[in-house]
Amino acid sequence: MKREYGAWARPPEPVAEADICRTIKTDVLVIGAGIAGVSCALRAAESGARVTVLEKSASWSARGGNIGVPNSSFMKAQGYENDIDVLTREWIKRCGNRCDERIVRRYMREAPRAMDWLIDIVTRPEYNARPVLQGSRYKGETYWEVYGSHRFFDGPMARKGLRAGAPDAVNAMYGEALKLGVEFLFNTPARQLVRENGRVVAAIAEAGDGLIRVEAGSGVVLATGDIGGNEEMCADLCPMANACEKKLYWPKNGNTGDGHRMGLWVGGTLEDGPFPTILHPQAFHYRTYCFLFVKPDGKRFMNEDNYVQGKTVAVLRERENFVWSVMDGNWKEQVADSIQYGGGLFWGDDCIAGESEFVAENEEKMLQFGLERGLVVSADTPEQLARKMGVPEDVFTATLARYNELAAKGHDEDFGKRAELLHPLDTPPYYAMKFGPALLAVVGGLRVDEEMHVLDAESRAVAGLYAIGNAAGGRYGVDYPVLIPGNSHGTALTFGFLLGETLGKQTQHIH
């Protein structure tokens, strides 16, 4: 089915040969120097290919801490192991059966090898990062999460103050790629691809001295990130992204759908919309917990016993950019008790596997941080709290009374929250924490097969063209399943590693 998009989808005029100031020849051309692109470049170089990387910003990029991968050797040595058949079935279910099962299963099967490779790199003396497993995870019955989220502490990037995890992973892979002669051309944005006789053979990029043509004998890889920074593309492909209070994509001038557009212009196709999103409830205060959530109209609207993605989608569903999370003077005891049933990001404390998800001192500091910045309000009565929240006093007090009635019954007749989490909220002081949806990434892209070939309208591979990371579709379908926190990074690492290996071997065959 042919789909109509906005002006962003119209291809530019081909660049005239006379406008090219120089030509570079390589085996593998990678466009984008994030976790997907750098892992692909390094693995291709290790496998014998000459590699050139085009990156429009001034350096490689990485954000966040978690790289979600099942069953690495490090993980198994810690005593944890996932059942990948169970994980795959659950992943497919949460994606509404609209992800590509072959892609998901290949990730589950091959990701351990990619993570073992990465850990070997980041623990070398020049990087000396310490691998750990993320400990905080949601343990609810419906949206459970498992261990497998890897992070790297004490490396050079962490010591500079960046979040422990992906930055040290990409920094180490970049360092190893340089040793193998990978050419990184920074501040050099790719503008369009060149397809000749049905095959993508080159990219035109804008360098400091003019337009350059980079020819790739084995393949061109789109690793350009997502579309979150492009309002026009989001309006067409993922309206939910533009509804978020904050967009936390990085780098700020990146993630504008460059690879999506370039792939589309040479015959690739995009997966069905609306594209799925990675959402966290961190646009305001960084805690949500699990007690009573109310909208600005003072009404309850959901079962608060949910993980980060579910909470955030629910806020957007209500067409709100924030809601309030209400708790009372017994909050420390209630939160500590709740962790065994729920927990996870923004509910429990950020921790390493085996450590406590509830540290009272940390939670008290977080609460004080919110109070100082006006993101948390406190009062001695529900009526006073409602006024500070700016919600209708009569509606809110009725909502709170109803919630306490359900807690006394031990049965949530309205939304079905588990009885273990139905704590009464009747002890002053009362608190309300403001939280709202933040977009991390739009995780939809070009249609690809399990080998990451970009596909045309007839599901045939566009020869010579590949997409990985958030430029590639097929992984998620309709929603982001936080089965393993950081699995978007995990798929980027895995398919970058696998594709680099494949293209390197192809290069050796050609030579």
Protein backbone atom coordinates (compact mmCIF):
# COMPACT_ATOMS: atom_id res chain seq x y z
CA MET A 1 0.00 0.00 0.00
CA LYS A 2 1.45 3.37 -1.04
CA ARG A 3 1.45 5.86 1.82
CA GLU A 4 1.39 9.62 1.59
CA TYR A 5 3.74 11.62 3.77
CA GLY A 6 4.60 15.29 4.15
CA ALA A 7 7.22 17.34 2.34
CA TRP A 8 10.01 15.64 4.29
CA ALA A 9 9.46 12.50 2.20
CA ARG A 10 10.09 14.18 -1.15
CA PRO A 11 13.56 13.32 -2.47
CA PRO A 12 15.95 16.13 -3.36
CA GLU A 13 17.42 16.59 -6.80
CA PRO A 14 20.44 14.34 -7.38
CA VAL A 15 23.78 16.06 -6.85
CA ALA A 16 25.56 16.80 -10.10
CA GLU A 17 28.96 15.18 -10.58
CA ALA A 18 30.48 18.62 -11.12
CA ASP A 19 29.45 19.63 -7.61
CA ILE A 20 31.48 16.84 -5.98
CA CYS A 21 34.81 18.13 -4.70
CA ARG A 22 36.32 14.72 -3.93
CA THR A 23 35.54 11.01 -3.75
CA ILE A 24 36.42 8.55 -1.01
CA LYS A 25 36.40 4.80 -1.61
CA THR A 26 35.76 2.33 1.20
CA ASP A 27 34.34 -1.13 1.76
CA VAL A 28 31.71 -0.35 4.38
CA LEU A 29 30.15 3.06 4.90
CA VAL A 30 28.37 3.61 8.21
CA ILE A 31 26.25 6.73 8.57
CA GLY A 32 25.92 7.63 12.25
CA ALA A 33 28.30 7.22 15.18
CA GLY A 34 26.04 6.11 18.01
CA ILE A 35 26.03 2.74 19.71
CA ALA A 36 24.70 0.95 16.61
CA GLY A 37 27.01 2.65 14.13
CA VAL A 38 30.21 2.41 16.17
CA SER A 39 29.65 -1.26 17.03
CA CYS A 40 29.03 -2.01 13.35
CA ALA A 41 32.12 -0.07 12.25
CA LEU A 42 34.38 -1.79 14.77
CA ARG A 43 33.13 -5.29 14.05
CA ALA A 44 33.40 -4.76 10.29
CA ALA A 45 36.99 -3.57 10.71
CA GLU A 46 37.78 -6.54 12.94
CA SER A 47 36.35 -8.76 10.21
CA GLY A 48 38.66 -7.34 7.57
CA ALA A 49 36.82 -4.40 5.97
CA ARG A 50 37.93 -0.85 5.32
CA VAL A 51 35.36 1.29 7.11
CA THR A 52 34.36 4.93 6.89
CA VAL A 53 31.90 6.55 9.29
CA LEU A 54 30.00 9.75 8.53
CA GLU A 55 28.69 11.65 11.54
CA LYS A 56 27.00 15.03 11.38
CA SER A 57 27.92 16.07 14.93
CA ALA A 58 31.37 16.75 16.32
CA SER A 59 31.85 13.37 18.00
CA TRP A 60 30.37 9.95 18.63
CA SER A 61 27.24 9.95 20.77
CA ALA A 62 25.77 7.88 23.58
CA ARG A 63 23.16 8.46 26.22
CA GLY A 64 21.64 6.57 29.09
CA GLY A 65 23.05 3.82 31.19
CA ASN A 66 21.30 0.58 30.34
CA ILE A 67 22.20 -1.87 27.58
CA GLY A 68 19.66 -4.67 27.80
CA VAL A 69 20.85 -8.10 26.71
CA PRO A 70 19.75 -11.56 27.90
CA ASN A 71 22.18 -14.22 29.06
CA SER A 72 25.63 -12.73 28.65
CA SER A 73 28.45 -14.75 30.17
CA PHE A 74 28.86 -12.02 32.79
CA MET A 75 25.20 -12.27 33.68
CA LYS A 76 25.30 -16.06 33.99
CA ALA A 77 28.36 -15.79 36.20
CA GLN A 78 26.27 -13.65 38.55
CA GLY A 79 23.75 -16.47 38.79
CA TYR A 80 21.06 -15.03 36.49
CA GLU A 81 19.71 -16.62 33.30
CA ASN A 82 16.71 -15.82 31.12
CA ASP A 83 14.41 -18.20 29.29
CA ILE A 84 14.57 -16.62 25.86
CA ASP A 85 11.54 -18.51 24.57
CA VAL A 86 9.43 -17.03 27.37
CA LEU A 87 10.95 -13.58 26.82
CA THR A 88 10.32 -13.72 23.09
CA ARG A 89 6.68 -14.71 23.48
CA GLU A 90 6.12 -11.97 26.04
CA TRP A 91 7.90 -9.40 23.83
CA ILE A 92 5.70 -10.29 20.87
CA LYS A 93 2.55 -10.06 23.00
CA ARG A 94 3.42 -6.65 24.39
CA CYS A 95 4.13 -5.43 20.86
CA GLY A 96 0.63 -6.41 19.76
CA ASN A 97 2.05 -9.09 17.43
CA ARG A 98 3.24 -6.32 15.10
CA CYS A 99 6.98 -6.77 15.59
CA ASP A 100 8.94 -9.10 13.34
CA GLU A 101 9.37 -12.33 15.30
CA ARG A 102 12.46 -13.26 13.30
CA ILE A 103 14.22 -10.04 14.31
CA VAL A 104 13.26 -10.42 17.96
CA ARG A 105 14.34 -14.03 18.08
CA ARG A 106 17.67 -13.27 16.42
CA TYR A 107 18.32 -10.58 19.01
CA MET A 108 17.53 -12.99 21.84
CA ARG A 109 19.77 -15.67 20.36
CA GLU A 110 22.77 -13.54 19.34
CA ALA A 111 22.79 -10.73 21.91
CA PRO A 112 24.86 -12.67 24.47
CA ARG A 113 27.72 -12.98 22.01
CA ALA A 114 27.60 -9.25 21.27
CA MET A 115 27.65 -8.35 24.96
CA ASP A 116 30.51 -10.75 25.70
CA TRP A 117 32.45 -9.02 22.93
CA LEU A 118 31.67 -5.59 24.34
CA ILE A 119 32.61 -6.54 27.90
CA ASP A 120 35.95 -7.84 26.68
CA ILE A 121 36.57 -4.43 25.11
CA VAL A 122 35.44 -2.12 27.93
CA THR A 123 37.42 -4.04 30.55
CA ARG A 124 40.75 -3.64 28.73
CA PRO A 125 43.35 -1.64 30.69
CA GLU A 126 42.96 1.58 28.69
CA TYR A 127 39.22 1.71 29.48
CA ASN A 128 39.03 -0.35 32.66
CA ALA A 129 35.27 -0.04 33.09
CA ARG A 130 33.51 -2.28 35.58
CA PRO A 131 30.47 -4.20 34.27
CA VAL A 132 27.43 -4.53 36.53
CA LEU A 133 23.83 -5.66 36.17
CA GLN A 134 21.08 -3.12 36.76
CA GLY A 135 19.16 -4.18 39.85
CA SER A 136 15.97 -2.11 39.82
CA ARG A 137 13.23 -3.88 37.91
CA TYR A 138 9.45 -4.01 37.97
CA LYS A 139 8.20 -7.22 39.53
CA GLY A 140 4.48 -6.90 38.88
CA GLU A 141 2.40 -9.76 37.56
CA THR A 142 1.42 -8.15 34.27
CA TYR A 143 4.40 -6.06 33.12
CA TRP A 144 7.27 -7.94 34.74
CA GLU A 145 10.91 -7.22 33.95
CA VAL A 146 13.97 -9.44 34.20
CA TYR A 147 17.67 -8.96 34.88
CA GLY A 148 19.84 -8.41 31.84
CA SER A 149 20.36 -4.66 31.78
CA HIS A 150 24.15 -4.13 31.67
CA ARG A 151 25.97 -0.99 32.77
CA PHE A 152 29.63 0.02 33.02
CA PHE A 153 30.97 1.85 36.05
CA ASP A 154 34.30 3.61 36.74
CA GLY A 155 35.31 4.01 33.08
CA PRO A 156 36.76 7.20 31.57
CA MET A 157 33.36 8.63 30.62
CA ALA A 158 31.81 7.86 34.00
CA ARG A 159 34.75 9.58 35.66
CA LYS A 160 34.00 12.65 33.55
CA GLY A 161 30.50 12.73 34.98
CA LEU A 162 28.52 11.03 32.23
CA ARG A 163 25.97 8.39 33.15
CA ALA A 164 27.61 5.04 33.77
CA GLY A 165 26.83 2.75 30.88
CA ALA A 166 26.45 3.50 27.19
CA PRO A 167 28.98 6.39 27.02
CA ASP A 168 31.83 4.15 28.20
CA ALA A 169 30.66 1.38 25.86
CA VAL A 170 30.76 3.64 22.80
CA ASN A 171 33.98 5.36 23.87
CA ALA A 172 35.76 2.00 24.14
CA MET A 173 34.45 0.73 20.81
CA TYR A 174 35.44 4.01 19.17
CA GLY A 175 38.96 3.74 20.61
CA GLU A 176 39.35 0.21 19.26
CA ALA A 177 37.97 1.23 15.86
CA LEU A 178 40.59 3.97 15.58
CA LYS A 179 43.32 1.40 16.24
CA LEU A 180 42.07 -0.61 13.27
CA GLY A 181 42.09 2.36 10.94
CA VAL A 182 38.37 3.16 10.81
CA GLU A 183 38.00 6.64 9.35
CA PHE A 184 35.55 8.84 11.26
CA LEU A 185 34.46 11.97 9.41
CA PHE A 186 32.79 14.18 12.01
CA ASN A 187 30.83 17.35 11.21
CA THR A 188 30.08 15.65 7.90
CA PRO A 189 26.33 15.08 7.48
CA ALA A 190 25.16 12.67 4.80
CA ARG A 191 22.63 14.34 2.51
CA GLN A 192 21.51 11.62 0.13
CA LEU A 193 22.33 8.14 -1.14
CA VAL A 194 23.33 7.12 -4.62
CA ARG A 195 21.65 4.12 -6.23
CA GLU A 196 23.03 2.83 -9.52
CA ASN A 197 21.69 -0.19 -11.42
CA GLY A 198 19.45 -1.05 -8.50
CA ARG A 199 22.20 -0.98 -5.87
CA VAL A 200 23.05 1.68 -3.29
CA VAL A 201 26.72 2.36 -3.93
CA ALA A 202 27.54 5.66 -2.24
CA ALA A 203 26.45 8.59 -0.12
CA ILE A 204 26.82 12.29 -0.76
CA ALA A 205 27.91 14.20 2.34
CA GLU A 206 28.65 17.78 3.23
CA ALA A 207 32.25 18.23 4.38
CA GLY A 208 34.17 21.34 5.30
CA ASP A 209 35.56 21.69 1.78
CA GLY A 210 32.29 20.98 -0.03
CA LEU A 211 30.26 17.98 -1.11
CA ILE A 212 32.00 14.61 -1.07
CA ARG A 213 31.02 11.24 -2.48
CA VAL A 214 31.80 8.21 -0.33
CA GLU A 215 31.63 4.98 -2.32
CA ALA A 216 31.12 1.69 -0.51
CA GLY A 217 31.94 -1.61 -2.19
CA SER A 218 30.22 -3.86 0.36
CA GLY A 219 27.38 -1.82 1.77
CA VAL A 220 25.97 1.38 3.19
CA VAL A 221 24.61 1.23 6.75
CA LEU A 222 22.08 3.70 8.09
CA ALA A 223 22.66 4.10 11.83
CA THR A 224 21.29 7.62 12.12
CA GLY A 225 19.08 7.35 15.18
CA ASP A 226 15.39 8.12 15.48
CA ILE A 227 12.95 10.83 14.35
CA GLY A 228 12.23 12.36 17.78
CA GLY A 229 13.90 15.66 16.93
CA ASN A 230 11.89 16.15 13.72
CA GLU A 231 8.49 17.61 14.55
CA GLU A 232 7.18 17.23 11.00
CA MET A 233 8.10 13.55 10.74
CA CYS A 234 6.68 12.87 14.20
CA ALA A 235 3.40 14.53 13.20
CA ASP A 236 3.11 12.07 10.30
CA LEU A 237 4.59 8.95 11.87
CA CYS A 238 4.31 9.29 15.65
CA PRO A 239 2.02 12.07 16.93
CA MET A 240 2.46 10.82 20.50
CA ALA A 241 6.08 11.98 20.40
CA ASN A 242 5.09 15.59 19.85
CA ALA A 243 2.58 15.40 22.71
CA CYS A 244 5.31 14.73 25.28
CA GLU A 245 6.19 17.52 27.68
CA LYS A 246 9.91 16.93 27.10
CA LYS A 247 12.06 15.27 24.46
CA LEU A 248 15.26 13.94 25.94
CA TYR A 249 16.94 12.75 22.75
CA TRP A 250 20.68 13.25 22.36
CA PRO A 251 22.59 14.84 20.70
CA LYS A 252 20.26 17.81 20.37
CA ASN A 253 20.92 18.39 16.69
CA GLY A 254 20.61 14.70 15.94
CA ASN A 255 17.75 12.23 15.75
CA THR A 256 15.99 14.08 12.95
CA GLY A 257 15.17 11.07 10.79
CA ASP A 258 17.99 11.58 8.28
CA GLY A 259 18.42 7.86 7.63
CA HIS A 260 14.67 7.26 7.41
CA ARG A 261 14.40 9.88 4.69
CA MET A 262 17.49 8.84 2.75
CA GLY A 263 16.38 5.21 2.79
CA LEU A 264 12.89 6.14 1.63
CA TRP A 265 14.26 8.27 -1.21
CA VAL A 266 16.12 5.33 -2.77
CA GLY A 267 13.25 2.86 -2.63
CA GLY A 268 13.09 1.68 0.98
CA THR A 269 9.81 1.63 2.87
CA LEU A 270 8.81 2.53 6.40
CA GLU A 271 7.05 0.19 8.78
CA ASP A 272 3.41 0.90 9.54
CA GLY A 273 2.64 3.78 11.87
CA PRO A 274 2.14 5.11 14.35
CA PHE A 275 5.70 4.35 15.34
CA PRO A 276 6.30 3.08 18.90
CA THR A 277 8.03 5.24 21.49
CA ILE A 278 10.32 4.85 24.49
CA LEU A 279 8.68 6.91 27.22
CA HIS A 280 9.66 7.62 30.82
CA PRO A 281 7.63 9.55 33.43
CA GLN A 282 10.48 11.96 34.11
CA ALA A 283 9.42 15.26 32.57
CA PHE A 284 9.03 16.77 36.06
CA HIS A 285 9.74 14.86 39.29
CA TYR A 286 11.75 11.62 39.04
CA ARG A 287 9.56 9.50 41.34
CA THR A 288 6.10 8.07 40.78
CA TYR A 289 5.73 5.12 43.19
CA CYS A 290 2.39 3.31 43.10
CA PHE A 291 -0.25 4.93 45.30
CA LEU A 292 -2.85 7.36 43.95
CA PHE A 293 -2.48 9.09 40.59
CA VAL A 294 -4.84 11.96 39.77
CA LYS A 295 -5.19 14.19 36.75
CA PRO A 296 -5.37 18.00 36.92
CA ASP A 297 -9.14 17.60 37.26
CA GLY A 298 -8.60 15.75 40.55
CA LYS A 299 -9.81 12.38 39.30
CA ARG A 300 -8.13 8.97 39.37
CA PHE A 301 -7.68 7.44 35.91
CA MET A 302 -5.61 4.22 36.03
CA ASN A 303 -4.23 1.29 37.97
CA GLU A 304 -1.05 2.81 39.38
CA ASP A 305 0.58 -0.63 39.63
CA ASN A 306 2.41 -0.42 36.32
CA TYR A 307 5.90 -0.04 34.86
CA VAL A 308 7.43 3.09 33.36
CA GLN A 309 6.11 2.65 29.82
CA GLY A 310 2.57 1.89 30.93
CA LYS A 311 2.41 4.83 33.34
CA THR A 312 3.61 7.27 30.73
CA VAL A 313 1.39 6.04 27.92
CA ALA A 314 -1.59 6.32 30.27
CA VAL A 315 -0.86 10.02 30.91
CA LEU A 316 -0.65 10.73 27.19
CA ARG A 317 -3.84 8.79 26.58
CA GLU A 318 -5.60 11.30 28.83
CA ARG A 319 -4.22 14.18 26.72
CA GLU A 320 -2.32 15.48 29.72
CA ASN A 321 1.29 16.58 30.02
CA PHE A 322 1.42 15.88 33.75
CA VAL A 323 -0.43 14.18 36.60
CA TRP A 324 0.01 14.01 40.38
CA SER A 325 1.20 11.04 42.44
CA VAL A 326 -0.23 11.31 45.95
CA MET A 327 1.14 9.75 49.14
CA ASP A 328 0.91 10.39 52.88
CA GLY A 329 3.11 10.56 55.96
CA ASN A 330 3.65 6.81 55.99
CA TRP A 331 5.24 6.91 52.55
CA LYS A 332 8.65 5.55 53.56
CA GLU A 333 7.23 2.40 55.11
CA GLN A 334 4.73 2.01 52.26
CA VAL A 335 7.33 2.43 49.51
CA ALA A 336 9.72 0.04 51.23
CA ASP A 337 6.96 -2.57 51.45
CA SER A 338 5.81 -2.02 47.87
CA ILE A 339 9.20 -2.74 46.25
CA GLN A 340 8.79 -6.51 46.62
CA TYR A 341 5.61 -6.35 44.52
CA GLY A 342 6.62 -3.67 42.02
CA GLY A 343 9.62 -1.36 41.99
CA GLY A 344 11.71 -0.58 38.96
CA LEU A 345 12.66 2.72 37.35
CA PHE A 346 11.23 5.79 39.13
CA TRP A 347 9.63 3.57 41.76
CA GLY A 348 12.70 1.96 43.29
CA ASP A 349 16.19 3.36 43.74
CA ASP A 350 18.73 2.96 40.96
CA CYS A 351 20.86 0.05 42.13
CA ILE A 352 23.09 -2.87 41.15
CA ALA A 353 21.63 -6.38 41.12
CA GLY A 354 21.70 -7.83 44.61
CA GLU A 355 21.55 -4.44 46.32
CA SER A 356 18.47 -2.83 47.89
CA GLU A 357 16.03 -0.94 45.69
CA PHE A 358 14.93 1.13 48.66
CA VAL A 359 17.41 3.36 50.47
CA ALA A 360 15.48 5.71 52.75
CA GLU A 361 18.15 8.41 52.70
CA ASN A 362 18.16 8.53 48.89
CA GLU A 363 14.38 8.71 48.72
CA GLU A 364 14.28 11.49 51.31
CA LYS A 365 16.82 13.47 49.29
CA MET A 366 14.77 12.99 46.14
CA LEU A 367 11.63 14.19 47.91
CA GLN A 368 13.42 17.25 49.27
CA PHE A 369 14.82 17.96 45.81
CA GLY A 370 11.26 18.00 44.46
CA LEU A 371 9.94 20.20 47.26
CA GLU A 372 12.68 22.76 46.68
CA ARG A 373 11.86 22.97 43.00
CA GLY A 374 8.10 23.07 43.29
CA LEU A 375 7.67 19.65 41.70
CA VAL A 376 6.40 18.22 44.99
CA VAL A 377 3.85 19.94 47.24
CA SER A 378 2.96 19.05 50.82
CA ALA A 379 0.11 19.91 53.20
CA ASP A 380 -1.46 18.78 56.45
CA THR A 381 -4.94 18.22 55.02
CA PRO A 382 -6.32 16.90 51.72
CA GLU A 383 -8.06 20.23 51.16
CA GLN A 384 -4.84 22.19 51.53
CA LEU A 385 -3.02 19.73 49.29
CA ALA A 386 -5.66 20.11 46.57
CA ARG A 387 -5.22 23.89 46.62
CA LYS A 388 -1.45 23.57 46.28
CA MET A 389 -1.89 21.07 43.44
CA GLY A 390 -4.31 23.41 41.70
CA VAL A 391 -6.99 20.72 41.36
CA PRO A 392 -10.69 21.07 42.28
CA GLU A 393 -10.83 20.64 46.04
CA ASP A 394 -14.18 18.85 46.15
CA VAL A 395 -13.27 16.44 43.38
CA PHE A 396 -9.90 15.58 44.85
CA THR A 397 -11.16 15.00 48.37
CA ALA A 398 -13.87 12.72 46.99
CA THR A 399 -11.27 10.85 44.95
CA LEU A 400 -9.04 10.39 48.00
CA ALA A 401 -11.98 9.28 50.15
CA ARG A 402 -12.95 6.70 47.53
CA TYR A 403 -9.37 5.44 47.34
CA ASN A 404 -9.20 5.02 51.11
CA GLU A 405 -12.54 3.23 51.05
CA LEU A 406 -11.13 0.73 48.53
CA ALA A 407 -7.97 0.33 50.60
CA ALA A 408 -10.06 -0.50 53.65
CA LYS A 409 -11.93 -3.15 51.65
CA GLY A 410 -8.66 -4.57 50.32
CA HIS A 411 -10.19 -4.71 46.84
CA ASP A 412 -9.81 -2.07 44.13
CA GLU A 413 -13.23 -2.25 42.49
CA ASP A 414 -12.44 0.70 40.22
CA PHE A 415 -9.10 -0.23 38.61
CA GLY A 416 -8.03 -3.62 39.95
CA LYS A 417 -4.84 -2.72 41.77
CA ARG A 418 -3.36 -5.63 43.74
CA ALA A 419 -4.41 -5.66 47.38
CA GLU A 420 -0.76 -5.67 48.51
CA LEU A 421 -0.39 -2.16 47.09
CA LEU A 422 -3.67 -0.65 48.35
CA HIS A 423 -2.18 1.38 51.19
CA PRO A 424 -4.57 3.87 52.84
CA LEU A 425 -3.56 7.52 52.48
CA ASP A 426 -4.88 9.07 55.68
CA THR A 427 -1.87 10.17 57.72
CA PRO A 428 -0.53 13.74 57.40
CA PRO A 429 1.52 15.27 56.02
CA TYR A 430 0.26 14.58 52.52
CA TYR A 431 2.44 14.86 49.42
CA ALA A 432 1.74 15.20 45.72
CA MET A 433 4.51 14.65 43.18
CA LYS A 434 4.15 16.08 39.68
CA PHE A 435 5.27 13.76 36.91
CA GLY A 436 4.78 13.67 33.17
CA PRO A 437 5.81 12.05 29.91
CA ALA A 438 9.30 12.44 28.48
CA LEU A 439 10.25 11.02 25.10
CA LEU A 440 13.55 9.15 24.96
CA ALA A 441 13.28 7.83 21.41
CA VAL A 442 10.89 6.92 18.62
CA VAL A 443 11.76 3.30 17.93
CA GLY A 444 10.23 2.82 14.49
CA GLY A 445 11.95 2.99 11.15
CA LEU A 446 12.68 1.48 7.78
CA ARG A 447 11.38 -2.00 7.09
CA VAL A 448 14.23 -4.48 7.36
CA ASP A 449 14.66 -8.24 7.43
CA GLU A 450 16.53 -10.14 10.13
CA GLU A 451 19.81 -9.49 8.27
CA MET A 452 19.05 -5.74 8.41
CA HIS A 453 18.63 -5.31 4.64
CA VAL A 454 16.33 -2.36 3.93
CA LEU A 455 13.20 -3.61 2.14
CA ASP A 456 11.25 -2.07 -0.73
CA ALA A 457 7.48 -2.02 -1.25
CA GLU A 458 7.55 -5.64 -2.49
CA SER A 459 9.60 -6.72 0.56
CA ARG A 460 12.69 -7.20 -1.59
CA ALA A 461 16.08 -6.09 -0.28
CA VAL A 462 17.37 -2.77 -1.59
CA ALA A 463 20.78 -4.03 -2.66
CA GLY A 464 23.69 -2.55 -0.74
CA LEU A 465 21.57 -0.79 1.89
CA TYR A 466 21.13 -1.70 5.57
CA ALA A 467 19.59 -0.04 8.64
CA ILE A 468 20.30 -0.65 12.33
CA GLY A 469 19.45 0.98 15.65
CA ASN A 470 16.49 3.32 15.66
CA ALA A 471 16.70 3.81 11.90
CA ALA A 472 15.42 0.23 11.60
CA GLY A 473 11.90 -0.98 12.18
CA GLY A 474 10.56 -4.40 13.00
CA ARG A 475 11.62 -4.62 16.64
CA TYR A 476 8.62 -3.18 18.46
CA GLY A 477 5.47 -2.73 16.40
CA VAL A 478 3.21 -0.64 18.64
CA ASP A 479 4.96 -0.24 22.00
CA TYR A 480 8.31 -0.51 23.71
CA PRO A 481 8.42 -3.60 25.96
CA VAL A 482 10.62 -2.89 28.96
CA LEU A 483 11.19 -6.57 29.59
CA ILE A 484 14.88 -5.82 29.96
CA PRO A 485 15.50 -2.11 30.61
CA GLY A 486 17.69 -0.70 27.85
CA ASN A 487 16.80 -3.31 25.22
CA SER A 488 16.78 -0.63 22.51
CA HIS A 489 20.50 -0.15 23.21
CA GLY A 490 20.79 -3.93 23.34
CA THR A 491 19.31 -4.39 19.88
CA ALA A 492 21.48 -1.55 18.54
CA LEU A 493 24.62 -3.22 19.88
CA THR A 494 23.57 -6.68 18.72
CA PHE A 495 22.59 -5.86 15.17
CA GLY A 496 25.51 -3.46 14.76
CA PHE A 497 27.85 -6.25 15.82
CA LEU A 498 26.18 -8.86 13.60
CA LEU A 499 25.93 -6.66 10.53
CA GLY A 500 29.54 -5.50 10.87
CA GLU A 501 30.63 -9.12 11.03
CA THR A 502 28.59 -10.01 7.96
CA LEU A 503 29.81 -7.07 5.88
CA GLY A 504 33.41 -7.73 6.88
CA LYS A 505 33.15 -11.33 5.69
CA GLN A 506 31.48 -10.22 2.47
CA THR A 507 34.34 -7.82 1.89
CA GLN A 508 36.87 -10.59 2.29
CA HIS A 509 34.94 -12.68 -0.20
CA ILE A 510 34.86 -9.82 -2.71
CA HIS A 511 38.57 -9.13 -2.34
